[in-house]
Amino acid sequence: MLSYKNSTREIEESGTKTAVLSVGATEQFGPNLPMHLDTLIAEIYAKSFGQALNAYVLPTIPFNTSEEHANCKGTITVSPNVLTAMLEEIIVNLNRQGFNKFVLCNGHGGAYWESAFVKHINFKYPELILITTYRHLAWEEAIKEAGLEGLNEMHAGLLSVCTAMWLCPELVKLESMGSDVPPENRKFADYIFWDKLTKDGCWGKFEDSIYTPKQLAEMGETFWTSFTSKRSENLKLILEEAYLKKMS
């Protein structure tokens, strides 16, 4: 794997024609968690996929379409037009240098632009391939492996606390937060700011008396290690096959 920490000579001599682009987010995760969790998650994806492909891994973009959280102070949201225009510029720039295979990974669940962007880029630029990673049942299996079956949450609940306790425990305040959100609120999730649909921005809840800090961190590590590993399986073969089929 190569990254922006390598020199241009090292990237050239590697012979790689594959680049990994990743997008995180800067958005609220309730009152007790830092706002860069989605960026940390995207970095995990990018590193895992970069290793699987021996690819050039770009720095993770720390902003996304976080409109649902935009009422919460500190959250940054950018329009899908701005974000996809920048990603397209990056792809075009790298393509001129000889890169022709691209993988996009995204740490934010509310990034609805992703599928449309991938489809559009592959239509617009016949000389390159852009894919995302296959995740069929990877989430469900990783949840089971981490002992988190039965989770009823969308954002900033137990899994988010586990994630933060693994990746940045020094930034976590282990205090109860969130609540059970009425199921009927789900139909409004894409239309209304979440501070109006949830108690404190958390779509789910965390109770601080159930798990030890060590248990939380271990569950976070188990989940994300499993999930990214499953999404990396056969990634090189899938990317090469997609490229050959498109170029044929």
C-alpha atoms as a PDB file:
ATOM      1  CA  MET A   1       0.000   0.000   0.000  1.00  0.00           C
ATOM      2  CA  LEU A   2       1.123   3.532  -0.769  1.00  0.00           C
ATOM      3  CA  SER A   3      -0.180   6.868   0.440  1.00  0.00           C
ATOM      4  CA  TYR A   4       0.505  10.592   0.385  1.00  0.00           C
ATOM      5  CA  LYS A   5       3.262   9.826   2.891  1.00  0.00           C
ATOM      6  CA  ASN A   6       5.248   8.180   0.101  1.00  0.00           C
ATOM      7  CA  SER A   7       7.321  10.115  -2.395  1.00  0.00           C
ATOM      8  CA  THR A   8       6.313  10.597  -6.011  1.00  0.00           C
ATOM      9  CA  ARG A   9       9.265   8.356  -6.985  1.00  0.00           C
ATOM     10  CA  GLU A  10       8.013   5.546  -4.762  1.00  0.00           C
ATOM     11  CA  ILE A  11       4.522   5.788  -6.199  1.00  0.00           C
ATOM     12  CA  GLU A  12       5.896   5.797  -9.742  1.00  0.00           C
ATOM     13  CA  GLU A  13       8.202   2.844  -9.127  1.00  0.00           C
ATOM     14  CA  SER A  14       5.430   0.795  -7.516  1.00  0.00           C
ATOM     15  CA  GLY A  15       3.686   0.560 -10.876  1.00  0.00           C
ATOM     16  CA  THR A  16       0.265   0.763  -9.270  1.00  0.00           C
ATOM     17  CA  LYS A  17      -2.605   2.064 -11.365  1.00  0.00           C
ATOM     18  CA  THR A  18      -5.159   1.776  -8.582  1.00  0.00           C
ATOM     19  CA  ALA A  19      -6.200   4.559  -6.215  1.00  0.00           C
ATOM     20  CA  VAL A  20      -8.468   4.479  -3.158  1.00  0.00           C
ATOM     21  CA  LEU A  21     -10.604   7.550  -2.390  1.00  0.00           C
ATOM     22  CA  SER A  22     -12.374   7.844   0.947  1.00  0.00           C
ATOM     23  CA  VAL A  23     -14.886  10.263   2.417  1.00  0.00           C
ATOM     24  CA  GLY A  24     -15.650  10.647   6.108  1.00  0.00           C
ATOM     25  CA  ALA A  25     -17.696  13.332   7.857  1.00  0.00           C
ATOM     26  CA  THR A  26     -17.589  15.956  10.580  1.00  0.00           C
ATOM     27  CA  GLU A  27     -20.932  15.661  12.341  1.00  0.00           C
ATOM     28  CA  GLN A  28     -22.508  15.379  15.767  1.00  0.00           C
ATOM     29  CA  PHE A  29     -22.456  12.050  17.594  1.00  0.00           C
ATOM     30  CA  GLY A  30     -24.463  13.064  20.589  1.00  0.00           C
ATOM     31  CA  PRO A  31     -23.195  14.922  23.661  1.00  0.00           C
ATOM     32  CA  ASN A  32     -20.338  12.586  24.600  1.00  0.00           C
ATOM     33  CA  LEU A  33     -18.565  11.473  21.406  1.00  0.00           C
ATOM     34  CA  PRO A  34     -16.233  13.338  19.021  1.00  0.00           C
ATOM     35  CA  MET A  35     -17.501  14.460  15.631  1.00  0.00           C
ATOM     36  CA  HIS A  36     -14.880  12.765  13.447  1.00  0.00           C
ATOM     37  CA  LEU A  37     -15.916   9.120  13.922  1.00  0.00           C
ATOM     38  CA  ASP A  38     -17.064   8.697  10.306  1.00  0.00           C
ATOM     39  CA  THR A  39     -13.699  10.013   9.136  1.00  0.00           C
ATOM     40  CA  LEU A  40     -11.855   7.491  11.308  1.00  0.00           C
ATOM     41  CA  ILE A  41     -14.080   4.736   9.910  1.00  0.00           C
ATOM     42  CA  ALA A  42     -13.404   5.834   6.320  1.00  0.00           C
ATOM     43  CA  GLU A  43      -9.670   5.754   7.055  1.00  0.00           C
ATOM     44  CA  ILE A  44      -9.994   2.157   8.269  1.00  0.00           C
ATOM     45  CA  TYR A  45     -11.766   1.212   5.044  1.00  0.00           C
ATOM     46  CA  ALA A  46      -9.184   2.965   2.898  1.00  0.00           C
ATOM     47  CA  LYS A  47      -6.230   1.319   4.620  1.00  0.00           C
ATOM     48  CA  SER A  48      -7.789  -2.139   4.424  1.00  0.00           C
ATOM     49  CA  PHE A  49      -8.731  -1.783   0.756  1.00  0.00           C
ATOM     50  CA  GLY A  50      -5.384  -0.199  -0.070  1.00  0.00           C
ATOM     51  CA  GLN A  51      -3.549  -3.155   1.432  1.00  0.00           C
ATOM     52  CA  ALA A  52      -5.740  -5.627  -0.445  1.00  0.00           C
ATOM     53  CA  LEU A  53      -5.033  -3.857  -3.757  1.00  0.00           C
ATOM     54  CA  ASN A  54      -1.514  -2.510  -3.145  1.00  0.00           C
ATOM     55  CA  ALA A  55      -3.100   0.793  -4.129  1.00  0.00           C
ATOM     56  CA  TYR A  56      -2.329   4.474  -3.708  1.00  0.00           C
ATOM     57  CA  VAL A  57      -4.499   5.626  -0.783  1.00  0.00           C
ATOM     58  CA  LEU A  58      -5.474   9.287  -0.746  1.00  0.00           C
ATOM     59  CA  PRO A  59      -6.147  11.319   2.425  1.00  0.00           C
ATOM     60  CA  THR A  60      -9.710  10.966   3.649  1.00  0.00           C
ATOM     61  CA  ILE A  61     -11.985  13.919   2.915  1.00  0.00           C
ATOM     62  CA  PRO A  62     -13.463  14.879   6.322  1.00  0.00           C
ATOM     63  CA  PHE A  63     -16.738  16.418   5.070  1.00  0.00           C
ATOM     64  CA  ASN A  64     -19.901  14.874   3.666  1.00  0.00           C
ATOM     65  CA  THR A  65     -23.612  15.421   3.120  1.00  0.00           C
ATOM     66  CA  SER A  66     -24.589  15.661   6.790  1.00  0.00           C
ATOM     67  CA  GLU A  67     -27.730  17.756   6.404  1.00  0.00           C
ATOM     68  CA  GLU A  68     -29.670  15.754   8.998  1.00  0.00           C
ATOM     69  CA  HIS A  69     -27.195  16.856  11.674  1.00  0.00           C
ATOM     70  CA  ALA A  70     -26.642  20.428  10.490  1.00  0.00           C
ATOM     71  CA  ASN A  71     -28.610  22.017  13.329  1.00  0.00           C
ATOM     72  CA  CYS A  72     -26.000  20.728  15.789  1.00  0.00           C
ATOM     73  CA  LYS A  73     -23.145  23.141  16.380  1.00  0.00           C
ATOM     74  CA  GLY A  74     -19.863  22.116  14.803  1.00  0.00           C
ATOM     75  CA  THR A  75     -21.355  19.841  12.145  1.00  0.00           C
ATOM     76  CA  ILE A  76     -20.157  20.546   8.607  1.00  0.00           C
ATOM     77  CA  THR A  77     -22.307  19.615   5.646  1.00  0.00           C
ATOM     78  CA  VAL A  78     -21.503  20.173   1.980  1.00  0.00           C
ATOM     79  CA  SER A  79     -23.803  19.775  -0.981  1.00  0.00           C
ATOM     80  CA  PRO A  80     -23.545  16.584  -3.052  1.00  0.00           C
ATOM     81  CA  ASN A  81     -22.752  18.739  -6.095  1.00  0.00           C
ATOM     82  CA  VAL A  82     -19.690  20.264  -4.442  1.00  0.00           C
ATOM     83  CA  LEU A  83     -18.464  16.971  -3.013  1.00  0.00           C
ATOM     84  CA  THR A  84     -18.866  14.925  -6.179  1.00  0.00           C
ATOM     85  CA  ALA A  85     -17.334  17.698  -8.295  1.00  0.00           C
ATOM     86  CA  MET A  86     -14.206  17.581  -6.139  1.00  0.00           C
ATOM     87  CA  LEU A  87     -14.041  13.781  -6.266  1.00  0.00           C
ATOM     88  CA  GLU A  88     -14.419  13.887 -10.043  1.00  0.00           C
ATOM     89  CA  GLU A  89     -11.575  16.412 -10.302  1.00  0.00           C
ATOM     90  CA  ILE A  90      -9.355  14.117  -8.228  1.00  0.00           C
ATOM     91  CA  ILE A  91     -10.165  11.102 -10.392  1.00  0.00           C
ATOM     92  CA  VAL A  92      -9.529  13.021 -13.616  1.00  0.00           C
ATOM     93  CA  ASN A  93      -6.226  14.344 -12.268  1.00  0.00           C
ATOM     94  CA  LEU A  94      -5.014  10.872 -11.299  1.00  0.00           C
ATOM     95  CA  ASN A  95      -6.253   9.363 -14.545  1.00  0.00           C
ATOM     96  CA  ARG A  96      -4.013  11.760 -16.474  1.00  0.00           C
ATOM     97  CA  GLN A  97      -1.108  10.337 -14.481  1.00  0.00           C
ATOM     98  CA  GLY A  98      -1.937   6.777 -15.511  1.00  0.00           C
ATOM     99  CA  PHE A  99      -4.312   5.615 -12.777  1.00  0.00           C
ATOM    100  CA  ASN A 100      -7.267   3.778 -14.297  1.00  0.00           C
ATOM    101  CA  LYS A 101      -8.798   1.796 -11.428  1.00  0.00           C
ATOM    102  CA  PHE A 102     -10.493   3.563  -8.519  1.00  0.00           C
ATOM    103  CA  VAL A 103     -12.211   2.414  -5.352  1.00  0.00           C
ATOM    104  CA  LEU A 104     -14.465   4.752  -3.391  1.00  0.00           C
ATOM    105  CA  CYS A 105     -15.173   4.139   0.288  1.00  0.00           C
ATOM    106  CA  ASN A 106     -17.459   6.167   2.484  1.00  0.00           C
ATOM    107  CA  GLY A 107     -17.750   6.313   6.257  1.00  0.00           C
ATOM    108  CA  HIS A 108     -21.082   8.152   6.463  1.00  0.00           C
ATOM    109  CA  GLY A 109     -24.343   6.244   6.168  1.00  0.00           C
ATOM    110  CA  GLY A 110     -26.253   9.288   4.906  1.00  0.00           C
ATOM    111  CA  ALA A 111     -24.156   9.686   1.746  1.00  0.00           C
ATOM    112  CA  TYR A 112     -26.929   8.969  -0.741  1.00  0.00           C
ATOM    113  CA  TRP A 113     -24.916  10.568  -3.548  1.00  0.00           C
ATOM    114  CA  GLU A 114     -22.446   7.665  -3.651  1.00  0.00           C
ATOM    115  CA  SER A 115     -24.257   5.208  -5.933  1.00  0.00           C
ATOM    116  CA  ALA A 116     -25.312   7.870  -8.432  1.00  0.00           C
ATOM    117  CA  PHE A 117     -21.773   9.259  -8.534  1.00  0.00           C
ATOM    118  CA  VAL A 118     -20.180   5.868  -9.230  1.00  0.00           C
ATOM    119  CA  LYS A 119     -22.674   5.142 -11.992  1.00  0.00           C
ATOM    120  CA  HIS A 120     -22.168   8.569 -13.569  1.00  0.00           C
ATOM    121  CA  ILE A 121     -18.364   8.450 -13.525  1.00  0.00           C
ATOM    122  CA  ASN A 122     -18.319   5.048 -15.192  1.00  0.00           C
ATOM    123  CA  PHE A 123     -20.642   6.352 -17.893  1.00  0.00           C
ATOM    124  CA  LYS A 124     -18.744   9.596 -18.412  1.00  0.00           C
ATOM    125  CA  TYR A 125     -15.208   8.169 -18.505  1.00  0.00           C
ATOM    126  CA  PRO A 126     -14.992   4.967 -20.576  1.00  0.00           C
ATOM    127  CA  GLU A 127     -11.228   4.679 -20.040  1.00  0.00           C
ATOM    128  CA  LEU A 128     -11.414   3.996 -16.291  1.00  0.00           C
ATOM    129  CA  ILE A 129     -13.351   2.016 -13.694  1.00  0.00           C
ATOM    130  CA  LEU A 130     -14.722   3.235 -10.369  1.00  0.00           C
ATOM    131  CA  ILE A 131     -16.242   0.768  -7.915  1.00  0.00           C
ATOM    132  CA  THR A 132     -17.404   0.583  -4.326  1.00  0.00           C
ATOM    133  CA  THR A 133     -16.945  -2.493  -2.162  1.00  0.00           C
ATOM    134  CA  TYR A 134     -19.439  -5.312  -1.884  1.00  0.00           C
ATOM    135  CA  ARG A 135     -21.073  -5.515   1.560  1.00  0.00           C
ATOM    136  CA  HIS A 136     -23.714  -8.248   1.257  1.00  0.00           C
ATOM    137  CA  LEU A 137     -24.325  -9.589   4.789  1.00  0.00           C
ATOM    138  CA  ALA A 138     -20.954  -8.215   5.951  1.00  0.00           C
ATOM    139  CA  TRP A 139     -22.670  -5.862   8.407  1.00  0.00           C
ATOM    140  CA  GLU A 140     -24.976  -8.521   9.809  1.00  0.00           C
ATOM    141  CA  GLU A 141     -22.162 -11.046  10.238  1.00  0.00           C
ATOM    142  CA  ALA A 142     -19.839  -8.501  11.862  1.00  0.00           C
ATOM    143  CA  ILE A 143     -22.597  -7.438  14.282  1.00  0.00           C
ATOM    144  CA  LYS A 144     -22.997 -11.064  15.322  1.00  0.00           C
ATOM    145  CA  GLU A 145     -19.267 -11.594  15.755  1.00  0.00           C
ATOM    146  CA  ALA A 146     -19.046  -8.527  17.984  1.00  0.00           C
ATOM    147  CA  GLY A 147     -21.914  -9.728  20.177  1.00  0.00           C
ATOM    148  CA  LEU A 148     -24.118  -6.786  19.198  1.00  0.00           C
ATOM    149  CA  GLU A 149     -27.140  -8.643  17.834  1.00  0.00           C
ATOM    150  CA  GLY A 150     -30.474  -6.907  18.226  1.00  0.00           C
ATOM    151  CA  LEU A 151     -29.156  -3.363  17.891  1.00  0.00           C
ATOM    152  CA  ASN A 152     -31.988  -0.949  17.199  1.00  0.00           C
ATOM    153  CA  GLU A 153     -30.147   2.226  16.347  1.00  0.00           C
ATOM    154  CA  MET A 154     -29.084   4.366  13.419  1.00  0.00           C
ATOM    155  CA  HIS A 155     -26.529   6.777  14.838  1.00  0.00           C
ATOM    156  CA  ALA A 156     -24.578   7.554  18.016  1.00  0.00           C
ATOM    157  CA  GLY A 157     -25.740   4.526  19.996  1.00  0.00           C
ATOM    158  CA  LEU A 158     -23.863   1.574  21.478  1.00  0.00           C
ATOM    159  CA  LEU A 159     -21.943   0.742  18.285  1.00  0.00           C
ATOM    160  CA  SER A 160     -20.707   4.320  18.002  1.00  0.00           C
ATOM    161  CA  VAL A 161     -19.481   4.228  21.596  1.00  0.00           C
ATOM    162  CA  CYS A 162     -17.717   0.913  20.916  1.00  0.00           C
ATOM    163  CA  THR A 163     -16.120   2.434  17.830  1.00  0.00           C
ATOM    164  CA  ALA A 164     -14.883   5.492  19.671  1.00  0.00           C
ATOM    165  CA  MET A 165     -13.607   3.453  22.615  1.00  0.00           C
ATOM    166  CA  TRP A 166     -11.472   1.460  20.188  1.00  0.00           C
ATOM    167  CA  LEU A 167     -10.254   4.305  17.976  1.00  0.00           C
ATOM    168  CA  CYS A 168     -10.071   7.353  20.248  1.00  0.00           C
ATOM    169  CA  PRO A 169     -10.890   6.440  23.874  1.00  0.00           C
ATOM    170  CA  GLU A 170      -9.249   9.598  25.181  1.00  0.00           C
ATOM    171  CA  LEU A 171     -12.007  11.645  23.512  1.00  0.00           C
ATOM    172  CA  VAL A 172     -14.960   9.708  24.940  1.00  0.00           C
ATOM    173  CA  LYS A 173     -17.071  10.642  27.941  1.00  0.00           C
ATOM    174  CA  LEU A 174     -18.539   7.348  29.128  1.00  0.00           C
ATOM    175  CA  GLU A 175     -21.907   8.652  30.226  1.00  0.00           C
ATOM    176  CA  SER A 176     -25.377   7.455  29.289  1.00  0.00           C
ATOM    177  CA  MET A 177     -26.894   9.220  26.293  1.00  0.00           C
ATOM    178  CA  GLY A 178     -29.604   8.827  23.696  1.00  0.00           C
ATOM    179  CA  SER A 179     -33.004   7.187  23.938  1.00  0.00           C
ATOM    180  CA  ASP A 180     -35.293   4.799  22.124  1.00  0.00           C
ATOM    181  CA  VAL A 181     -36.530   6.746  19.109  1.00  0.00           C
ATOM    182  CA  PRO A 182     -40.166   6.122  18.131  1.00  0.00           C
ATOM    183  CA  PRO A 183     -40.273   3.873  15.036  1.00  0.00           C
ATOM    184  CA  GLU A 184     -42.633   6.295  13.308  1.00  0.00           C
ATOM    185  CA  ASN A 185     -39.854   8.895  13.243  1.00  0.00           C
ATOM    186  CA  ARG A 186     -37.932   6.873  10.672  1.00  0.00           C
ATOM    187  CA  LYS A 187     -40.206   8.073   7.890  1.00  0.00           C
ATOM    188  CA  PHE A 188     -39.064  11.631   8.603  1.00  0.00           C
ATOM    189  CA  ALA A 189     -35.326  10.871   8.866  1.00  0.00           C
ATOM    190  CA  ASP A 190     -34.424  12.314   5.459  1.00  0.00           C
ATOM    191  CA  TYR A 191     -36.641  15.386   5.735  1.00  0.00           C
ATOM    192  CA  ILE A 192     -36.198  16.845   9.214  1.00  0.00           C
ATOM    193  CA  PHE A 193     -33.189  17.774  11.339  1.00  0.00           C
ATOM    194  CA  TRP A 194     -32.470  15.003  13.817  1.00  0.00           C
ATOM    195  CA  ASP A 195     -32.413  17.333  16.803  1.00  0.00           C
ATOM    196  CA  LYS A 196     -36.193  17.485  16.238  1.00  0.00           C
ATOM    197  CA  LEU A 197     -36.573  13.685  15.980  1.00  0.00           C
ATOM    198  CA  THR A 198     -34.262  12.534  18.774  1.00  0.00           C
ATOM    199  CA  LYS A 199     -33.584  13.484  22.380  1.00  0.00           C
ATOM    200  CA  ASP A 200     -29.967  14.592  21.918  1.00  0.00           C
ATOM    201  CA  GLY A 201     -28.959  13.703  18.345  1.00  0.00           C
ATOM    202  CA  CYS A 202     -28.549  10.001  19.184  1.00  0.00           C
ATOM    203  CA  TRP A 203     -30.747   7.650  17.166  1.00  0.00           C
ATOM    204  CA  GLY A 204     -30.411   4.886  19.733  1.00  0.00           C
ATOM    205  CA  LYS A 205     -29.047   4.866  23.257  1.00  0.00           C
ATOM    206  CA  PHE A 206     -26.034   3.977  25.355  1.00  0.00           C
ATOM    207  CA  GLU A 207     -26.188   3.010  29.025  1.00  0.00           C
ATOM    208  CA  ASP A 208     -22.906   3.361  30.850  1.00  0.00           C
ATOM    209  CA  SER A 209     -23.432   0.627  33.453  1.00  0.00           C
ATOM    210  CA  ILE A 210     -23.628  -2.429  31.189  1.00  0.00           C
ATOM    211  CA  TYR A 211     -20.130  -2.834  29.696  1.00  0.00           C
ATOM    212  CA  THR A 212     -16.626  -2.055  30.908  1.00  0.00           C
ATOM    213  CA  PRO A 213     -14.432   0.285  28.839  1.00  0.00           C
ATOM    214  CA  LYS A 214     -12.337  -2.713  27.791  1.00  0.00           C
ATOM    215  CA  GLN A 215     -15.406  -4.639  26.628  1.00  0.00           C
ATOM    216  CA  LEU A 216     -16.630  -1.667  24.605  1.00  0.00           C
ATOM    217  CA  ALA A 217     -13.265  -1.250  22.878  1.00  0.00           C
ATOM    218  CA  GLU A 218     -13.033  -4.979  22.130  1.00  0.00           C
ATOM    219  CA  MET A 219     -16.517  -5.009  20.585  1.00  0.00           C
ATOM    220  CA  GLY A 220     -15.613  -2.017  18.450  1.00  0.00           C
ATOM    221  CA  GLU A 221     -12.399  -3.612  17.240  1.00  0.00           C
ATOM    222  CA  THR A 222     -14.088  -6.957  16.537  1.00  0.00           C
ATOM    223  CA  PHE A 223     -16.911  -5.372  14.568  1.00  0.00           C
ATOM    224  CA  TRP A 224     -14.839  -3.087  12.359  1.00  0.00           C
ATOM    225  CA  THR A 225     -12.040  -5.604  11.797  1.00  0.00           C
ATOM    226  CA  SER A 226     -14.595  -8.188  10.701  1.00  0.00           C
ATOM    227  CA  PHE A 227     -16.628  -5.779   8.592  1.00  0.00           C
ATOM    228  CA  THR A 228     -13.698  -4.319   6.667  1.00  0.00           C
ATOM    229  CA  SER A 229     -12.138  -7.751   6.219  1.00  0.00           C
ATOM    230  CA  LYS A 230     -15.330  -9.130   4.686  1.00  0.00           C
ATOM    231  CA  ARG A 231     -15.597  -6.135   2.351  1.00  0.00           C
ATOM    232  CA  SER A 232     -11.984  -6.644   1.279  1.00  0.00           C
ATOM    233  CA  GLU A 233     -12.519 -10.283   0.310  1.00  0.00           C
ATOM    234  CA  ASN A 234     -11.899 -10.868  -3.393  1.00  0.00           C
ATOM    235  CA  LEU A 235     -11.716  -7.106  -3.907  1.00  0.00           C
ATOM    236  CA  LYS A 236      -8.727  -7.288  -6.251  1.00  0.00           C
ATOM    237  CA  LEU A 237     -10.393  -9.967  -8.371  1.00  0.00           C
ATOM    238  CA  ILE A 238     -13.662  -8.025  -8.544  1.00  0.00           C
ATOM    239  CA  LEU A 239     -11.897  -4.793  -9.524  1.00  0.00           C
ATOM    240  CA  GLU A 240      -9.808  -6.472 -12.224  1.00  0.00           C
ATOM    241  CA  GLU A 241     -12.809  -8.329 -13.625  1.00  0.00           C
ATOM    242  CA  ALA A 242     -14.898  -5.158 -13.712  1.00  0.00           C
ATOM    243  CA  TYR A 243     -12.129  -3.303 -15.515  1.00  0.00           C
ATOM    244  CA  LEU A 244     -11.632  -6.035 -18.120  1.00  0.00           C
ATOM    245  CA  LYS A 245     -15.361  -6.302 -18.789  1.00  0.00           C
ATOM    246  CA  LYS A 246     -15.674  -2.557 -19.221  1.00  0.00           C
ATOM    247  CA  MET A 247     -12.664  -2.355 -21.537  1.00  0.00           C
ATOM    248  CA  SER A 248     -13.711  -5.323 -23.700  1.00  0.00           C
END
